[in-house]
Amino acid sequence: HYKNLQVGFSKTTSIVFPYAIKSIDKGSADVLVQKAKTVENIL
């Protein structure tokens, strides 16, 4: 049902969305998440 992502400690994963990101919610503080600078659709 959901996309399973493998996330690392020393590498950054980029997700490209077709439209601008309006809201982000992460389930744990053990993960760092932010929008790319000057870009609205890359996480």
Full PDB file with SEQRES, HELIX, SHEET, SSBOND, CRYST1, ORIGX, SCALE, CONECT and MASTER records, all heavy atoms in Angstrom:
SEQRES   1 A   43  HIS TYR LYS ASN LEU GLN VAL GLY PHE SER LYS THR THR          
SEQRES   2 A   43  SER ILE VAL PHE PRO TYR ALA ILE LYS SER ILE ASP LYS          
SEQRES   3 A   43  GLY SER ALA ASP VAL LEU VAL GLN LYS ALA LYS THR VAL          
SEQRES   4 A   43  GLU ASN ILE LEU                                              
CRYST1    1.000    1.000    1.000  90.00  90.00  90.00 P 1           1          
ORIGX1      1.000000  0.000000  0.000000        0.00000                         
ORIGX2      0.000000  1.000000  0.000000        0.00000                         
ORIGX3      0.000000  0.000000  1.000000        0.00000                         
SCALE1      1.000000  0.000000  0.000000        0.00000                         
SCALE2      0.000000  1.000000  0.000000        0.00000                         
SCALE3      0.000000  0.000000  1.000000        0.00000                         
ATOM      1  N   HIS A   1       0.794  -1.220   0.000  1.00  0.00           N  
ATOM      2  CA  HIS A   1       0.000   0.000   0.000  1.00  0.00           C  
ATOM      3  C   HIS A   1       0.835   1.282   0.000  1.00  0.00           C  
ATOM      4  O   HIS A   1       0.357   2.315  -0.458  1.00  0.00           O  
ATOM      5  CB  HIS A   1      -0.934   0.007   1.218  1.00  0.00           C  
ATOM      6  CG  HIS A   1      -2.055  -0.978   1.113  1.00  0.00           C  
ATOM      7  ND1 HIS A   1      -1.871  -2.340   1.248  1.00  0.00           N  
ATOM      8  CD2 HIS A   1      -3.378  -0.798   0.865  1.00  0.00           C  
ATOM      9  CE1 HIS A   1      -3.032  -2.952   1.109  1.00  0.00           C  
ATOM     10  NE2 HIS A   1      -3.959  -2.057   0.874  1.00  0.00           N  
ATOM     11  N   TYR A   2       2.048   1.238   0.499  1.00  0.00           N  
ATOM     12  CA  TYR A   2       2.856   2.443   0.613  1.00  0.00           C  
ATOM     13  C   TYR A   2       4.259   2.230   0.062  1.00  0.00           C  
ATOM     14  O   TYR A   2       4.753   1.109   0.035  1.00  0.00           O  
ATOM     15  CB  TYR A   2       2.946   2.885   2.083  1.00  0.00           C  
ATOM     16  CG  TYR A   2       1.609   3.027   2.748  1.00  0.00           C  
ATOM     17  CD1 TYR A   2       1.247   2.188   3.803  1.00  0.00           C  
ATOM     18  CD2 TYR A   2       0.687   3.973   2.321  1.00  0.00           C  
ATOM     19  CE1 TYR A   2       0.007   2.303   4.421  1.00  0.00           C  
ATOM     20  CE2 TYR A   2      -0.544   4.096   2.921  1.00  0.00           C  
ATOM     21  CZ  TYR A   2      -0.883   3.260   3.965  1.00  0.00           C  
ATOM     22  OH  TYR A   2      -2.103   3.381   4.549  1.00  0.00           O  
ATOM     23  N   LYS A   3       4.875   3.323  -0.360  1.00  0.00           N  
ATOM     24  CA  LYS A   3       6.244   3.259  -0.858  1.00  0.00           C  
ATOM     25  C   LYS A   3       7.204   3.051   0.302  1.00  0.00           C  
ATOM     26  O   LYS A   3       7.191   3.794   1.272  1.00  0.00           O  
ATOM     27  CB  LYS A   3       6.585   4.558  -1.593  1.00  0.00           C  
ATOM     28  CG  LYS A   3       8.018   4.661  -2.067  1.00  0.00           C  
ATOM     29  CD  LYS A   3       8.346   3.626  -3.137  1.00  0.00           C  
ATOM     30  CE  LYS A   3       9.772   3.799  -3.640  1.00  0.00           C  
ATOM     31  NZ  LYS A   3      10.117   2.787  -4.644  1.00  0.00           N  
ATOM     32  N   ASN A   4       8.026   2.014   0.204  1.00  0.00           N  
ATOM     33  CA  ASN A   4       8.990   1.679   1.250  1.00  0.00           C  
ATOM     34  C   ASN A   4      10.338   2.301   0.890  1.00  0.00           C  
ATOM     35  O   ASN A   4      10.955   1.919  -0.104  1.00  0.00           O  
ATOM     36  CB  ASN A   4       9.108   0.158   1.356  1.00  0.00           C  
ATOM     37  CG  ASN A   4       9.715  -0.270   2.681  1.00  0.00           C  
ATOM     38  OD1 ASN A   4      10.663   0.334   3.145  1.00  0.00           O  
ATOM     39  ND2 ASN A   4       9.152  -1.313   3.270  1.00  0.00           N  
ATOM     40  N   LEU A   5      10.810   3.269   1.681  1.00  0.00           N  
ATOM     41  CA  LEU A   5      12.061   3.968   1.411  1.00  0.00           C  
ATOM     42  C   LEU A   5      13.165   3.518   2.357  1.00  0.00           C  
ATOM     43  O   LEU A   5      12.935   3.352   3.547  1.00  0.00           O  
ATOM     44  CB  LEU A   5      11.879   5.486   1.561  1.00  0.00           C  
ATOM     45  CG  LEU A   5      11.073   6.223   0.495  1.00  0.00           C  
ATOM     46  CD1 LEU A   5      11.125   7.713   0.758  1.00  0.00           C  
ATOM     47  CD2 LEU A   5      11.595   5.914  -0.882  1.00  0.00           C  
ATOM     48  N   GLN A   6      14.366   3.353   1.803  1.00  0.00           N  
ATOM     49  CA  GLN A   6      15.545   3.017   2.595  1.00  0.00           C  
ATOM     50  C   GLN A   6      16.335   4.313   2.816  1.00  0.00           C  
ATOM     51  O   GLN A   6      16.786   4.939   1.859  1.00  0.00           O  
ATOM     52  CB  GLN A   6      16.417   1.998   1.870  1.00  0.00           C  
ATOM     53  CG  GLN A   6      15.658   0.768   1.383  1.00  0.00           C  
ATOM     54  CD  GLN A   6      15.082  -0.031   2.527  1.00  0.00           C  
ATOM     55  OE1 GLN A   6      15.747  -0.230   3.546  1.00  0.00           O  
ATOM     56  NE2 GLN A   6      13.856  -0.504   2.368  1.00  0.00           N  
ATOM     57  N   VAL A   7      16.492   4.718   4.078  1.00  0.00           N  
ATOM     58  CA  VAL A   7      17.113   6.003   4.415  1.00  0.00           C  
ATOM     59  C   VAL A   7      18.415   5.752   5.168  1.00  0.00           C  
ATOM     60  O   VAL A   7      18.468   4.917   6.075  1.00  0.00           O  
ATOM     61  CB  VAL A   7      16.154   6.864   5.265  1.00  0.00           C  
ATOM     62  CG1 VAL A   7      16.793   8.205   5.605  1.00  0.00           C  
ATOM     63  CG2 VAL A   7      14.840   7.073   4.520  1.00  0.00           C  
ATOM     64  N   GLY A   8      19.466   6.513   4.818  1.00  0.00           N  
ATOM     65  CA  GLY A   8      20.760   6.351   5.449  1.00  0.00           C  
ATOM     66  C   GLY A   8      21.135   7.517   6.353  1.00  0.00           C  
ATOM     67  O   GLY A   8      20.491   8.566   6.343  1.00  0.00           O  
ATOM     68  N   PHE A   9      22.205   7.332   7.133  1.00  0.00           N  
ATOM     69  CA  PHE A   9      22.685   8.346   8.074  1.00  0.00           C  
ATOM     70  C   PHE A   9      23.667   9.315   7.409  1.00  0.00           C  
ATOM     71  O   PHE A   9      23.683  10.506   7.696  1.00  0.00           O  
ATOM     72  CB  PHE A   9      23.359   7.668   9.273  1.00  0.00           C  
ATOM     73  CG  PHE A   9      23.880   8.626  10.300  1.00  0.00           C  
ATOM     74  CD1 PHE A   9      23.024   9.268  11.185  1.00  0.00           C  
ATOM     75  CD2 PHE A   9      25.251   8.885  10.383  1.00  0.00           C  
ATOM     76  CE1 PHE A   9      23.513  10.158  12.130  1.00  0.00           C  
ATOM     77  CE2 PHE A   9      25.755   9.763  11.336  1.00  0.00           C  
ATOM     78  CZ  PHE A   9      24.881  10.403  12.205  1.00  0.00           C  
ATOM     79  N   SER A  10      24.475   8.818   6.502  1.00  0.00           N  
ATOM     80  CA  SER A  10      25.509   9.648   5.872  1.00  0.00           C  
ATOM     81  C   SER A  10      25.165  10.045   4.436  1.00  0.00           C  
ATOM     82  O   SER A  10      25.962  10.660   3.757  1.00  0.00           O  
ATOM     83  CB  SER A  10      26.854   8.909   5.877  1.00  0.00           C  
ATOM     84  OG  SER A  10      26.742   7.667   5.207  1.00  0.00           O  
ATOM     85  N   LYS A  11      23.967   9.684   3.975  1.00  0.00           N  
ATOM     86  CA  LYS A  11      23.520  10.040   2.622  1.00  0.00           C  
ATOM     87  C   LYS A  11      22.131  10.669   2.686  1.00  0.00           C  
ATOM     88  O   LYS A  11      21.352  10.389   3.593  1.00  0.00           O  
ATOM     89  CB  LYS A  11      23.495   8.802   1.722  1.00  0.00           C  
ATOM     90  CG  LYS A  11      24.854   8.149   1.532  1.00  0.00           C  
ATOM     91  CD  LYS A  11      24.732   6.893   0.686  1.00  0.00           C  
ATOM     92  CE  LYS A  11      26.073   6.202   0.539  1.00  0.00           C  
ATOM     93  NZ  LYS A  11      25.968   4.943  -0.246  1.00  0.00           N  
ATOM     94  N   THR A  12      21.829  11.512   1.711  1.00  0.00           N  
ATOM     95  CA  THR A  12      20.543  12.201   1.654  1.00  0.00           C  
ATOM     96  C   THR A  12      19.711  11.654   0.501  1.00  0.00           C  
ATOM     97  O   THR A  12      20.208  11.517  -0.618  1.00  0.00           O  
ATOM     98  CB  THR A  12      20.729  13.716   1.468  1.00  0.00           C  
ATOM     99  OG1 THR A  12      21.480  14.234   2.566  1.00  0.00           O  
ATOM    100  CG2 THR A  12      19.387  14.426   1.396  1.00  0.00           C  
ATOM    101  N   THR A  13      18.462  11.347   0.784  1.00  0.00           N  
ATOM    102  CA  THR A  13      17.527  10.886  -0.237  1.00  0.00           C  
ATOM    103  C   THR A  13      16.658  12.053  -0.699  1.00  0.00           C  
ATOM    104  O   THR A  13      16.147  12.818   0.122  1.00  0.00           O  
ATOM    105  CB  THR A  13      16.629   9.765   0.315  1.00  0.00           C  
ATOM    106  OG1 THR A  13      17.446   8.645   0.658  1.00  0.00           O  
ATOM    107  CG2 THR A  13      15.590   9.335  -0.711  1.00  0.00           C  
ATOM    108  N   SER A  14      16.468  12.188  -2.016  1.00  0.00           N  
ATOM    109  CA  SER A  14      15.643  13.256  -2.588  1.00  0.00           C  
ATOM    110  C   SER A  14      14.373  12.657  -3.186  1.00  0.00           C  
ATOM    111  O   SER A  14      14.440  11.684  -3.935  1.00  0.00           O  
ATOM    112  CB  SER A  14      16.406  14.008  -3.676  1.00  0.00           C  
ATOM    113  OG  SER A  14      17.608  14.562  -3.168  1.00  0.00           O  
ATOM    114  N   ILE A  15      13.222  13.253  -2.831  1.00  0.00           N  
ATOM    115  CA  ILE A  15      11.945  12.855  -3.425  1.00  0.00           C  
ATOM    116  C   ILE A  15      11.430  14.027  -4.248  1.00  0.00           C  
ATOM    117  O   ILE A  15      11.264  15.135  -3.736  1.00  0.00           O  
ATOM    118  CB  ILE A  15      10.900  12.470  -2.371  1.00  0.00           C  
ATOM    119  CG1 ILE A  15      11.445  11.408  -1.417  1.00  0.00           C  
ATOM    120  CG2 ILE A  15       9.627  11.960  -3.043  1.00  0.00           C  
ATOM    121  CD1 ILE A  15      10.476  11.028  -0.314  1.00  0.00           C  
ATOM    122  N   VAL A  16      11.172  13.781  -5.529  1.00  0.00           N  
ATOM    123  CA  VAL A  16      10.684  14.822  -6.433  1.00  0.00           C  
ATOM    124  C   VAL A  16       9.182  14.642  -6.622  1.00  0.00           C  
ATOM    125  O   VAL A  16       8.726  13.601  -7.107  1.00  0.00           O  
ATOM    126  CB  VAL A  16      11.399  14.760  -7.792  1.00  0.00           C  
ATOM    127  CG1 VAL A  16      10.906  15.886  -8.696  1.00  0.00           C  
ATOM    128  CG2 VAL A  16      12.907  14.854  -7.601  1.00  0.00           C  
ATOM    129  N   PHE A  17       8.405  15.648  -6.232  1.00  0.00           N  
ATOM    130  CA  PHE A  17       6.945  15.609  -6.356  1.00  0.00           C  
ATOM    131  C   PHE A  17       6.516  16.378  -7.611  1.00  0.00           C  
ATOM    132  O   PHE A  17       7.199  17.321  -8.026  1.00  0.00           O  
ATOM    133  CB  PHE A  17       6.289  16.208  -5.114  1.00  0.00           C  
ATOM    134  CG  PHE A  17       6.489  15.404  -3.865  1.00  0.00           C  
ATOM    135  CD1 PHE A  17       7.600  15.604  -3.059  1.00  0.00           C  
ATOM    136  CD2 PHE A  17       5.567  14.437  -3.499  1.00  0.00           C  
ATOM    137  CE1 PHE A  17       7.797  14.857  -1.915  1.00  0.00           C  
ATOM    138  CE2 PHE A  17       5.748  13.677  -2.351  1.00  0.00           C  
ATOM    139  CZ  PHE A  17       6.869  13.881  -1.563  1.00  0.00           C  
ATOM    140  N   PRO A  18       5.380  16.011  -8.203  1.00  0.00           N  
ATOM    141  CA  PRO A  18       4.932  16.712  -9.412  1.00  0.00           C  
ATOM    142  C   PRO A  18       4.431  18.129  -9.140  1.00  0.00           C  
ATOM    143  O   PRO A  18       4.375  18.942 -10.059  1.00  0.00           O  
ATOM    144  CB  PRO A  18       3.805  15.812  -9.945  1.00  0.00           C  
ATOM    145  CG  PRO A  18       3.339  15.044  -8.756  1.00  0.00           C  
ATOM    146  CD  PRO A  18       4.530  14.849  -7.887  1.00  0.00           C  
ATOM    147  N   TYR A  19       4.061  18.426  -7.883  1.00  0.00           N  
ATOM    148  CA  TYR A  19       3.568  19.757  -7.517  1.00  0.00           C  
ATOM    149  C   TYR A  19       4.251  20.221  -6.233  1.00  0.00           C  
ATOM    150  O   TYR A  19       4.929  19.446  -5.557  1.00  0.00           O  
ATOM    151  CB  TYR A  19       2.044  19.744  -7.330  1.00  0.00           C  
ATOM    152  CG  TYR A  19       1.268  19.674  -8.627  1.00  0.00           C  
ATOM    153  CD1 TYR A  19       1.023  18.447  -9.244  1.00  0.00           C  
ATOM    154  CD2 TYR A  19       0.786  20.826  -9.240  1.00  0.00           C  
ATOM    155  CE1 TYR A  19       0.326  18.371 -10.437  1.00  0.00           C  
ATOM    156  CE2 TYR A  19       0.084  20.755 -10.432  1.00  0.00           C  
ATOM    157  CZ  TYR A  19      -0.142  19.534 -11.025  1.00  0.00           C  
ATOM    158  OH  TYR A  19      -0.835  19.462 -12.203  1.00  0.00           O  
ATOM    159  N   ALA A  20       4.045  21.479  -5.908  1.00  0.00           N  
ATOM    160  CA  ALA A  20       4.667  22.069  -4.724  1.00  0.00           C  
ATOM    161  C   ALA A  20       4.192  21.359  -3.450  1.00  0.00           C  
ATOM    162  O   ALA A  20       3.038  20.938  -3.342  1.00  0.00           O  
ATOM    163  CB  ALA A  20       4.338  23.555  -4.637  1.00  0.00           C  
ATOM    164  N   ILE A  21       5.098  21.250  -2.490  1.00  0.00           N  
ATOM    165  CA  ILE A  21       4.790  20.606  -1.208  1.00  0.00           C  
ATOM    166  C   ILE A  21       4.102  21.610  -0.297  1.00  0.00           C  
ATOM    167  O   ILE A  21       4.592  22.716  -0.082  1.00  0.00           O  
ATOM    168  CB  ILE A  21       6.085  20.110  -0.544  1.00  0.00           C  
ATOM    169  CG1 ILE A  21       6.774  19.067  -1.431  1.00  0.00           C  
ATOM    170  CG2 ILE A  21       5.803  19.523   0.838  1.00  0.00           C  
ATOM    171  CD1 ILE A  21       8.206  18.777  -1.036  1.00  0.00           C  
ATOM    172  N   LYS A  22       2.949  21.221   0.251  1.00  0.00           N  
ATOM    173  CA  LYS A  22       2.201  22.107   1.133  1.00  0.00           C  
ATOM    174  C   LYS A  22       2.302  21.712   2.602  1.00  0.00           C  
ATOM    175  O   LYS A  22       2.215  22.552   3.480  1.00  0.00           O  
ATOM    176  CB  LYS A  22       0.717  22.127   0.709  1.00  0.00           C  
ATOM    177  CG  LYS A  22       0.451  22.853  -0.589  1.00  0.00           C  
ATOM    178  CD  LYS A  22       0.754  24.327  -0.455  1.00  0.00           C  
ATOM    179  CE  LYS A  22       0.392  25.089  -1.712  1.00  0.00           C  
ATOM    180  NZ  LYS A  22       0.732  26.522  -1.609  1.00  0.00           N  
ATOM    181  N   SER A  23       2.476  20.422   2.889  1.00  0.00           N  
ATOM    182  CA  SER A  23       2.498  19.963   4.273  1.00  0.00           C  
ATOM    183  C   SER A  23       3.394  18.730   4.394  1.00  0.00           C  
ATOM    184  O   SER A  23       3.405  17.876   3.512  1.00  0.00           O  
ATOM    185  CB  SER A  23       1.079  19.643   4.745  1.00  0.00           C  
ATOM    186  OG  SER A  23       1.084  19.075   6.043  1.00  0.00           O  
ATOM    187  N   ILE A  24       4.160  18.661   5.508  1.00  0.00           N  
ATOM    188  CA  ILE A  24       5.042  17.523   5.780  1.00  0.00           C  
ATOM    189  C   ILE A  24       4.835  17.073   7.226  1.00  0.00           C  
ATOM    190  O   ILE A  24       4.790  17.909   8.131  1.00  0.00           O  
ATOM    191  CB  ILE A  24       6.531  17.901   5.591  1.00  0.00           C  
ATOM    192  CG1 ILE A  24       6.784  18.498   4.201  1.00  0.00           C  
ATOM    193  CG2 ILE A  24       7.429  16.692   5.815  1.00  0.00           C  
ATOM    194  CD1 ILE A  24       8.136  19.158   4.086  1.00  0.00           C  
ATOM    195  N   ASP A  25       4.710  15.768   7.442  1.00  0.00           N  
ATOM    196  CA  ASP A  25       4.626  15.241   8.796  1.00  0.00           C  
ATOM    197  C   ASP A  25       5.443  13.951   8.865  1.00  0.00           C  
ATOM    198  O   ASP A  25       5.221  13.019   8.097  1.00  0.00           O  
ATOM    199  CB  ASP A  25       3.169  14.955   9.189  1.00  0.00           C  
ATOM    200  CG  ASP A  25       3.073  14.462  10.625  1.00  0.00           C  
ATOM    201  OD1 ASP A  25       3.152  15.289  11.537  1.00  0.00           O  
ATOM    202  OD2 ASP A  25       2.939  13.230  10.820  1.00  0.00           O  
ATOM    203  N   LYS A  26       6.409  13.912   9.786  1.00  0.00           N  
ATOM    204  CA  LYS A  26       7.225  12.706   9.962  1.00  0.00           C  
ATOM    205  C   LYS A  26       6.817  12.021  11.259  1.00  0.00           C  
ATOM    206  O   LYS A  26       6.458  12.665  12.241  1.00  0.00           O  
ATOM    207  CB  LYS A  26       8.709  13.056   9.969  1.00  0.00           C  
ATOM    208  CG  LYS A  26       9.118  14.061  11.032  1.00  0.00           C  
ATOM    209  CD  LYS A  26      10.600  14.380  10.943  1.00  0.00           C  
ATOM    210  CE  LYS A  26      11.002  15.351  12.058  1.00  0.00           C  
ATOM    211  NZ  LYS A  26      12.439  15.636  12.060  1.00  0.00           N  
ATOM    212  N   GLY A  27       6.897  10.687  11.266  1.00  0.00           N  
ATOM    213  CA  GLY A  27       6.442   9.937  12.417  1.00  0.00           C  
ATOM    214  C   GLY A  27       7.444   9.857  13.555  1.00  0.00           C  
ATOM    215  O   GLY A  27       7.096   9.419  14.648  1.00  0.00           O  
ATOM    216  N   SER A  28       8.695  10.282  13.320  1.00  0.00           N  
ATOM    217  CA  SER A  28       9.725  10.148  14.342  1.00  0.00           C  
ATOM    218  C   SER A  28      10.751  11.265  14.217  1.00  0.00           C  
ATOM    219  O   SER A  28      11.070  11.707  13.109  1.00  0.00           O  
ATOM    220  CB  SER A  28      10.419   8.786  14.222  1.00  0.00           C  
ATOM    221  OG  SER A  28      11.565   8.723  15.049  1.00  0.00           O  
ATOM    222  N   ALA A  29      11.297  11.684  15.364  1.00  0.00           N  
ATOM    223  CA  ALA A  29      12.374  12.679  15.376  1.00  0.00           C  
ATOM    224  C   ALA A  29      13.699  12.073  14.950  1.00  0.00           C  
ATOM    225  O   ALA A  29      14.694  12.796  14.796  1.00  0.00           O  
ATOM    226  CB  ALA A  29      12.503  13.294  16.774  1.00  0.00           C  
ATOM    227  N   ASP A  30      13.742  10.765  14.730  1.00  0.00           N  
ATOM    228  CA  ASP A  30      14.965  10.095  14.301  1.00  0.00           C  
ATOM    229  C   ASP A  30      15.250  10.314  12.822  1.00  0.00           C  
ATOM    230  O   ASP A  30      16.266   9.852  12.301  1.00  0.00           O  
ATOM    231  CB  ASP A  30      14.869   8.587  14.569  1.00  0.00           C  
ATOM    232  CG  ASP A  30      14.781   8.292  16.063  1.00  0.00           C  
ATOM    233  OD1 ASP A  30      15.196   9.151  16.863  1.00  0.00           O  
ATOM    234  OD2 ASP A  30      14.298   7.197  16.422  1.00  0.00           O  
ATOM    235  N   VAL A  31      14.322  11.018  12.135  1.00  0.00           N  
ATOM    236  CA  VAL A  31      14.473  11.283  10.704  1.00  0.00           C  
ATOM    237  C   VAL A  31      14.477  12.795  10.488  1.00  0.00           C  
ATOM    238  O   VAL A  31      13.662  13.516  11.076  1.00  0.00           O  
ATOM    239  CB  VAL A  31      13.329  10.638   9.895  1.00  0.00           C  
ATOM    240  CG1 VAL A  31      13.455  10.970   8.420  1.00  0.00           C  
ATOM    241  CG2 VAL A  31      13.319   9.132  10.103  1.00  0.00           C  
ATOM    242  N   LEU A  32      15.394  13.277   9.643  1.00  0.00           N  
ATOM    243  CA  LEU A  32      15.466  14.700   9.295  1.00  0.00           C  
ATOM    244  C   LEU A  32      14.822  14.917   7.934  1.00  0.00           C  
ATOM    245  O   LEU A  32      15.142  14.204   6.966  1.00  0.00           O  
ATOM    246  CB  LEU A  32      16.920  15.165   9.261  1.00  0.00           C  
ATOM    247  CG  LEU A  32      17.730  14.999  10.549  1.00  0.00           C  
ATOM    248  CD1 LEU A  32      19.179  15.411  10.321  1.00  0.00           C  
ATOM    249  CD2 LEU A  32      17.113  15.819  11.683  1.00  0.00           C  
ATOM    250  N   VAL A  33      13.930  15.903   7.855  1.00  0.00           N  
ATOM    251  CA  VAL A  33      13.198  16.167   6.617  1.00  0.00           C  
ATOM    252  C   VAL A  33      13.134  17.671   6.384  1.00  0.00           C  
ATOM    253  O   VAL A  33      12.833  18.437   7.311  1.00  0.00           O  
ATOM    254  CB  VAL A  33      11.755  15.604   6.691  1.00  0.00           C  
ATOM    255  CG1 VAL A  33      10.995  15.920   5.424  1.00  0.00           C  
ATOM    256  CG2 VAL A  33      11.781  14.108   6.934  1.00  0.00           C  
ATOM    257  N   GLN A  34      13.400  18.106   5.152  1.00  0.00           N  
ATOM    258  CA  GLN A  34      13.226  19.513   4.812  1.00  0.00           C  
ATOM    259  C   GLN A  34      13.103  19.670   3.304  1.00  0.00           C  
ATOM    260  O   GLN A  34      13.571  18.827   2.533  1.00  0.00           O  
ATOM    261  CB  GLN A  34      14.404  20.361   5.310  1.00  0.00           C  
ATOM    262  CG  GLN A  34      15.712  20.140   4.556  1.00  0.00           C  
ATOM    263  CD  GLN A  34      16.805  21.100   4.986  1.00  0.00           C  
ATOM    264  OE1 GLN A  34      16.834  21.553   6.117  1.00  0.00           O  
ATOM    265  NE2 GLN A  34      17.707  21.406   4.076  1.00  0.00           N  
ATOM    266  N   LYS A  35      12.450  20.770   2.883  1.00  0.00           N  
ATOM    267  CA  LYS A  35      12.362  21.075   1.466  1.00  0.00           C  
ATOM    268  C   LYS A  35      13.708  21.597   0.975  1.00  0.00           C  
ATOM    269  O   LYS A  35      14.414  22.288   1.707  1.00  0.00           O  
ATOM    270  CB  LYS A  35      11.262  22.106   1.197  1.00  0.00           C  
ATOM    271  CG  LYS A  35       9.858  21.558   1.339  1.00  0.00           C  
ATOM    272  CD  LYS A  35       8.815  22.449   0.677  1.00  0.00           C  
ATOM    273  CE  LYS A  35       8.672  23.771   1.382  1.00  0.00           C  
ATOM    274  NZ  LYS A  35       7.581  24.583   0.791  1.00  0.00           N  
ATOM    275  N   ALA A  36      14.041  21.297  -0.273  1.00  0.00           N  
ATOM    276  CA  ALA A  36      15.270  21.819  -0.859  1.00  0.00           C  
ATOM    277  C   ALA A  36      15.172  23.342  -0.990  1.00  0.00           C  
ATOM    278  O   ALA A  36      14.100  23.889  -1.254  1.00  0.00           O  
ATOM    279  CB  ALA A  36      15.508  21.190  -2.231  1.00  0.00           C  
ATOM    280  N   LYS A  37      16.278  24.028  -0.783  1.00  0.00           N  
ATOM    281  CA  LYS A  37      16.288  25.484  -0.831  1.00  0.00           C  
ATOM    282  C   LYS A  37      15.911  25.988  -2.220  1.00  0.00           C  
ATOM    283  O   LYS A  37      16.370  25.471  -3.231  1.00  0.00           O  
ATOM    284  CB  LYS A  37      17.668  26.012  -0.443  1.00  0.00           C  
ATOM    285  CG  LYS A  37      18.026  25.782   1.023  1.00  0.00           C  
ATOM    286  CD  LYS A  37      19.381  26.371   1.354  1.00  0.00           C  
ATOM    287  CE  LYS A  37      19.727  26.165   2.829  1.00  0.00           C  
ATOM    288  NZ  LYS A  37      21.062  26.713   3.178  1.00  0.00           N  
ATOM    289  N   THR A  38      15.066  27.027  -2.235  1.00  0.00           N  
ATOM    290  CA  THR A  38      14.586  27.719  -3.450  1.00  0.00           C  
ATOM    291  C   THR A  38      13.755  26.824  -4.364  1.00  0.00           C  
ATOM    292  O   THR A  38      13.423  27.210  -5.480  1.00  0.00           O  
ATOM    293  CB  THR A  38      15.751  28.333  -4.258  1.00  0.00           C  
ATOM    294  OG1 THR A  38      16.509  27.285  -4.888  1.00  0.00           O  
ATOM    295  CG2 THR A  38      16.657  29.176  -3.379  1.00  0.00           C  
ATOM    296  N   VAL A  39      13.415  25.617  -3.895  1.00  0.00           N  
ATOM    297  CA  VAL A  39      12.604  24.694  -4.692  1.00  0.00           C  
ATOM    298  C   VAL A  39      11.405  24.263  -3.862  1.00  0.00           C  
ATOM    299  O   VAL A  39      11.536  23.976  -2.681  1.00  0.00           O  
ATOM    300  CB  VAL A  39      13.422  23.452  -5.121  1.00  0.00           C  
ATOM    301  CG1 VAL A  39      12.568  22.510  -5.952  1.00  0.00           C  
ATOM    302  CG2 VAL A  39      14.659  23.870  -5.906  1.00  0.00           C  
ATOM    303  N   GLU A  40      10.232  24.188  -4.492  1.00  0.00           N  
ATOM    304  CA  GLU A  40       8.997  23.891  -3.758  1.00  0.00           C  
ATOM    305  C   GLU A  40       8.564  22.436  -3.844  1.00  0.00           C  
ATOM    306  O   GLU A  40       7.706  22.006  -3.075  1.00  0.00           O  
ATOM    307  CB  GLU A  40       7.861  24.784  -4.279  1.00  0.00           C  
ATOM    308  CG  GLU A  40       8.029  26.261  -3.979  1.00  0.00           C  
ATOM    309  CD  GLU A  40       8.001  26.550  -2.481  1.00  0.00           C  
ATOM    310  OE1 GLU A  40       7.208  25.917  -1.772  1.00  0.00           O  
ATOM    311  OE2 GLU A  40       8.775  27.401  -2.032  1.00  0.00           O  
ATOM    312  N   ASN A  41       9.144  21.655  -4.745  1.00  0.00           N  
ATOM    313  CA  ASN A  41       8.619  20.295  -4.959  1.00  0.00           C  
ATOM    314  C   ASN A  41       9.632  19.191  -4.702  1.00  0.00           C  
ATOM    315  O   ASN A  41       9.414  18.050  -5.101  1.00  0.00           O  
ATOM    316  CB  ASN A  41       8.086  20.174  -6.391  1.00  0.00           C  
ATOM    317  CG  ASN A  41       9.200  20.234  -7.428  1.00  0.00           C  
ATOM    318  OD1 ASN A  41      10.119  21.034  -7.309  1.00  0.00           O  
ATOM    319  ND2 ASN A  41       9.113  19.391  -8.444  1.00  0.00           N  
ATOM    320  N   ILE A  42      10.751  19.506  -4.060  1.00  0.00           N  
ATOM    321  CA  ILE A  42      11.754  18.482  -3.758  1.00  0.00           C  
ATOM    322  C   ILE A  42      11.952  18.393  -2.249  1.00  0.00           C  
ATOM    323  O   ILE A  42      12.188  19.405  -1.578  1.00  0.00           O  
ATOM    324  CB  ILE A  42      13.105  18.788  -4.442  1.00  0.00           C  
ATOM    325  CG1 ILE A  42      12.929  18.777  -5.970  1.00  0.00           C  
ATOM    326  CG2 ILE A  42      14.165  17.767  -4.022  1.00  0.00           C  
ATOM    327  CD1 ILE A  42      14.197  19.082  -6.728  1.00  0.00           C  
ATOM    328  N   LEU A  43      11.852  17.173  -1.727  1.00  0.00           N  
ATOM    329  CA  LEU A  43      11.990  16.924  -0.304  1.00  0.00           C  
ATOM    330  C   LEU A  43      13.274  16.139  -0.047  1.00  0.00           C  
ATOM    331  O   LEU A  43      13.565  15.153  -0.734  1.00  0.00           O  
ATOM    332  CB  LEU A  43      10.789  16.128   0.207  1.00  0.00           C  
ATOM    333  CG  LEU A  43      10.614  16.048   1.729  1.00  0.00           C  
ATOM    334  CD1 LEU A  43      10.335  17.424   2.304  1.00  0.00           C  
ATOM    335  CD2 LEU A  43       9.480  15.090   2.080  1.00  0.00           C  
TER     336      LEU A  43                                                      
MASTER        0    0    0    0    0    0    0    6  335    1    0    4          
END                                                                             
